[in-house]
Amino acid sequence: AVYEELAAERPDDLDVLIELGRCQIDLGDPIAARETLRRAVGPAGTDGGGLAIYGRAVLEAGDPAAAEPILRRAVALAPHYGAAHFALGSCLGRLGRHAEAKPHLDAAARIY
């Protein structure tokens, strides 16, 4: 509720929107998170961490094909962010591309 109130007061605040999206995912509402994060960072965003969370929302909303390019961009922008590698590895696994997923899952394990 706090982030929703802050987002209403500061609709252009990237940090608030990213944290609201993260909370929405954690509370089991990836569809709402997808929309919140699309507004915050969009698929062409430059915030690697925000893109990783956006990609995770898209993935958890059931669209791994749409999540893949978002997560690839997140990894490219934030190669030392383990959550981005983990989300991309998970995405590729859901797409049945296990050989491609493994290096990202390994990278996530090394980073964490």
C-alpha atoms as a PDB file:
ATOM      1  CA  ALA A   1       0.000   0.000   0.000  1.00  0.00           C
ATOM      2  CA  VAL A   2       2.876   2.370   0.756  1.00  0.00           C
ATOM      3  CA  TYR A   3       4.388   2.040  -2.723  1.00  0.00           C
ATOM      4  CA  GLU A   4       0.962   2.406  -4.325  1.00  0.00           C
ATOM      5  CA  GLU A   5       0.475   5.674  -2.451  1.00  0.00           C
ATOM      6  CA  LEU A   6       3.951   6.871  -3.387  1.00  0.00           C
ATOM      7  CA  ALA A   7       3.381   5.897  -7.031  1.00  0.00           C
ATOM      8  CA  ALA A   8       0.170   7.929  -7.044  1.00  0.00           C
ATOM      9  CA  GLU A   9       2.029  10.922  -5.604  1.00  0.00           C
ATOM     10  CA  ARG A  10       5.129  10.481  -7.797  1.00  0.00           C
ATOM     11  CA  PRO A  11       4.050   8.696 -10.996  1.00  0.00           C
ATOM     12  CA  ASP A  12       7.358   9.432 -12.749  1.00  0.00           C
ATOM     13  CA  ASP A  13       9.625   8.190  -9.948  1.00  0.00           C
ATOM     14  CA  LEU A  14      11.472   5.206 -11.431  1.00  0.00           C
ATOM     15  CA  ASP A  15      12.614   3.833  -8.070  1.00  0.00           C
ATOM     16  CA  VAL A  16       9.109   3.909  -6.594  1.00  0.00           C
ATOM     17  CA  LEU A  17       7.588   2.205  -9.640  1.00  0.00           C
ATOM     18  CA  ILE A  18      10.278  -0.487  -9.677  1.00  0.00           C
ATOM     19  CA  GLU A  19       9.733  -1.239  -5.991  1.00  0.00           C
ATOM     20  CA  LEU A  20       5.955  -1.267  -6.493  1.00  0.00           C
ATOM     21  CA  GLY A  21       6.400  -3.751  -9.341  1.00  0.00           C
ATOM     22  CA  ARG A  22       8.692  -5.909  -7.202  1.00  0.00           C
ATOM     23  CA  CYS A  23       6.077  -5.936  -4.427  1.00  0.00           C
ATOM     24  CA  GLN A  24       3.324  -6.832  -6.887  1.00  0.00           C
ATOM     25  CA  ILE A  25       5.379  -9.819  -8.091  1.00  0.00           C
ATOM     26  CA  ASP A  26       6.108 -10.917  -4.530  1.00  0.00           C
ATOM     27  CA  LEU A  27       2.410 -10.664  -3.674  1.00  0.00           C
ATOM     28  CA  GLY A  28       1.514 -12.910  -6.616  1.00  0.00           C
ATOM     29  CA  ASP A  29       0.257 -10.341  -9.107  1.00  0.00           C
ATOM     30  CA  PRO A  30       2.732 -10.458 -12.016  1.00  0.00           C
ATOM     31  CA  ILE A  31       0.159  -9.033 -14.427  1.00  0.00           C
ATOM     32  CA  ALA A  32      -0.147  -5.810 -12.421  1.00  0.00           C
ATOM     33  CA  ALA A  33       3.642  -5.792 -12.008  1.00  0.00           C
ATOM     34  CA  ARG A  34       4.097  -6.171 -15.752  1.00  0.00           C
ATOM     35  CA  GLU A  35       2.057  -3.035 -16.401  1.00  0.00           C
ATOM     36  CA  THR A  36       3.677  -1.044 -13.588  1.00  0.00           C
ATOM     37  CA  LEU A  37       7.166  -1.967 -14.767  1.00  0.00           C
ATOM     38  CA  ARG A  38       6.340  -1.425 -18.439  1.00  0.00           C
ATOM     39  CA  ARG A  39       5.441   2.151 -17.531  1.00  0.00           C
ATOM     40  CA  ALA A  40       8.579   2.491 -15.408  1.00  0.00           C
ATOM     41  CA  VAL A  41      11.290   1.039 -17.632  1.00  0.00           C
ATOM     42  CA  GLY A  42       9.751  -0.326 -20.821  1.00  0.00           C
ATOM     43  CA  PRO A  43      11.522  -2.945 -22.924  1.00  0.00           C
ATOM     44  CA  ALA A  44      14.071  -0.408 -24.216  1.00  0.00           C
ATOM     45  CA  GLY A  45      14.942   0.913 -20.761  1.00  0.00           C
ATOM     46  CA  THR A  46      18.468   1.588 -19.605  1.00  0.00           C
ATOM     47  CA  ASP A  47      18.151   0.458 -15.973  1.00  0.00           C
ATOM     48  CA  GLY A  48      19.449  -3.122 -15.922  1.00  0.00           C
ATOM     49  CA  GLY A  49      18.006  -3.888 -12.515  1.00  0.00           C
ATOM     50  CA  GLY A  50      14.614  -2.477 -13.432  1.00  0.00           C
ATOM     51  CA  LEU A  51      14.629  -4.424 -16.679  1.00  0.00           C
ATOM     52  CA  ALA A  52      15.448  -7.628 -14.789  1.00  0.00           C
ATOM     53  CA  ILE A  53      12.435  -7.109 -12.547  1.00  0.00           C
ATOM     54  CA  TYR A  54      10.257  -6.185 -15.541  1.00  0.00           C
ATOM     55  CA  GLY A  55      11.403  -9.305 -17.388  1.00  0.00           C
ATOM     56  CA  ARG A  56      10.675 -11.403 -14.315  1.00  0.00           C
ATOM     57  CA  ALA A  57       7.138  -9.970 -14.208  1.00  0.00           C
ATOM     58  CA  VAL A  58       6.606 -10.771 -17.898  1.00  0.00           C
ATOM     59  CA  LEU A  59       7.981 -14.279 -17.328  1.00  0.00           C
ATOM     60  CA  GLU A  60       5.809 -14.894 -14.274  1.00  0.00           C
ATOM     61  CA  ALA A  61       2.797 -13.537 -16.154  1.00  0.00           C
ATOM     62  CA  GLY A  62       3.295 -16.500 -18.494  1.00  0.00           C
ATOM     63  CA  ASP A  63       5.025 -15.003 -21.517  1.00  0.00           C
ATOM     64  CA  PRO A  64       8.621 -16.296 -21.636  1.00  0.00           C
ATOM     65  CA  ALA A  65       9.023 -15.419 -25.328  1.00  0.00           C
ATOM     66  CA  ALA A  66       8.292 -11.752 -24.553  1.00  0.00           C
ATOM     67  CA  ALA A  67      10.453 -11.857 -21.417  1.00  0.00           C
ATOM     68  CA  GLU A  68      13.559 -13.121 -23.220  1.00  0.00           C
ATOM     69  CA  PRO A  69      14.614  -9.910 -25.045  1.00  0.00           C
ATOM     70  CA  ILE A  70      13.902  -7.829 -21.933  1.00  0.00           C
ATOM     71  CA  LEU A  71      16.048 -10.127 -19.814  1.00  0.00           C
ATOM     72  CA  ARG A  72      18.820 -10.253 -22.411  1.00  0.00           C
ATOM     73  CA  ARG A  73      18.935  -6.458 -22.312  1.00  0.00           C
ATOM     74  CA  ALA A  74      18.983  -6.537 -18.506  1.00  0.00           C
ATOM     75  CA  VAL A  75      21.984  -8.889 -18.522  1.00  0.00           C
ATOM     76  CA  ALA A  76      23.766  -6.757 -21.109  1.00  0.00           C
ATOM     77  CA  LEU A  77      23.250  -3.607 -19.038  1.00  0.00           C
ATOM     78  CA  ALA A  78      23.902  -5.209 -15.635  1.00  0.00           C
ATOM     79  CA  PRO A  79      26.197  -8.211 -16.171  1.00  0.00           C
ATOM     80  CA  HIS A  80      27.075  -8.380 -12.462  1.00  0.00           C
ATOM     81  CA  TYR A  81      23.427  -8.511 -11.332  1.00  0.00           C
ATOM     82  CA  GLY A  82      22.757 -12.129 -10.393  1.00  0.00           C
ATOM     83  CA  ALA A  83      18.984 -11.769 -10.475  1.00  0.00           C
ATOM     84  CA  ALA A  84      19.140 -10.778 -14.152  1.00  0.00           C
ATOM     85  CA  HIS A  85      21.143 -13.901 -15.019  1.00  0.00           C
ATOM     86  CA  PHE A  86      18.863 -16.091 -12.923  1.00  0.00           C
ATOM     87  CA  ALA A  87      15.722 -14.699 -14.560  1.00  0.00           C
ATOM     88  CA  LEU A  88      17.184 -15.115 -18.065  1.00  0.00           C
ATOM     89  CA  GLY A  89      18.300 -18.663 -17.278  1.00  0.00           C
ATOM     90  CA  SER A  90      14.842 -19.481 -15.936  1.00  0.00           C
ATOM     91  CA  CYS A  91      13.235 -17.931 -18.996  1.00  0.00           C
ATOM     92  CA  LEU A  92      15.396 -19.903 -21.405  1.00  0.00           C
ATOM     93  CA  GLY A  93      14.663 -23.070 -19.440  1.00  0.00           C
ATOM     94  CA  ARG A  94      10.927 -22.477 -19.785  1.00  0.00           C
ATOM     95  CA  LEU A  95      11.474 -22.075 -23.500  1.00  0.00           C
ATOM     96  CA  GLY A  96      13.184 -25.484 -23.544  1.00  0.00           C
ATOM     97  CA  ARG A  97      16.597 -23.999 -24.329  1.00  0.00           C
ATOM     98  CA  HIS A  98      18.468 -25.622 -21.461  1.00  0.00           C
ATOM     99  CA  ALA A  99      21.950 -25.413 -22.978  1.00  0.00           C
ATOM    100  CA  GLU A 100      21.534 -21.633 -23.326  1.00  0.00           C
ATOM    101  CA  ALA A 101      20.093 -21.369 -19.819  1.00  0.00           C
ATOM    102  CA  LYS A 102      22.967 -23.087 -18.024  1.00  0.00           C
ATOM    103  CA  PRO A 103      25.638 -20.354 -18.357  1.00  0.00           C
ATOM    104  CA  HIS A 104      23.199 -17.783 -16.957  1.00  0.00           C
ATOM    105  CA  LEU A 105      22.195 -19.992 -14.057  1.00  0.00           C
ATOM    106  CA  ASP A 106      25.873 -20.684 -13.377  1.00  0.00           C
ATOM    107  CA  ALA A 107      26.631 -16.957 -13.496  1.00  0.00           C
ATOM    108  CA  ALA A 108      23.801 -16.263 -11.047  1.00  0.00           C
ATOM    109  CA  ALA A 109      25.202 -18.894  -8.664  1.00  0.00           C
ATOM    110  CA  ARG A 110      28.697 -17.380  -8.881  1.00  0.00           C
ATOM    111  CA  ILE A 111      27.405 -13.847  -8.290  1.00  0.00           C
ATOM    112  CA  TYR A 112      25.217 -14.798  -5.337  1.00  0.00           C
END
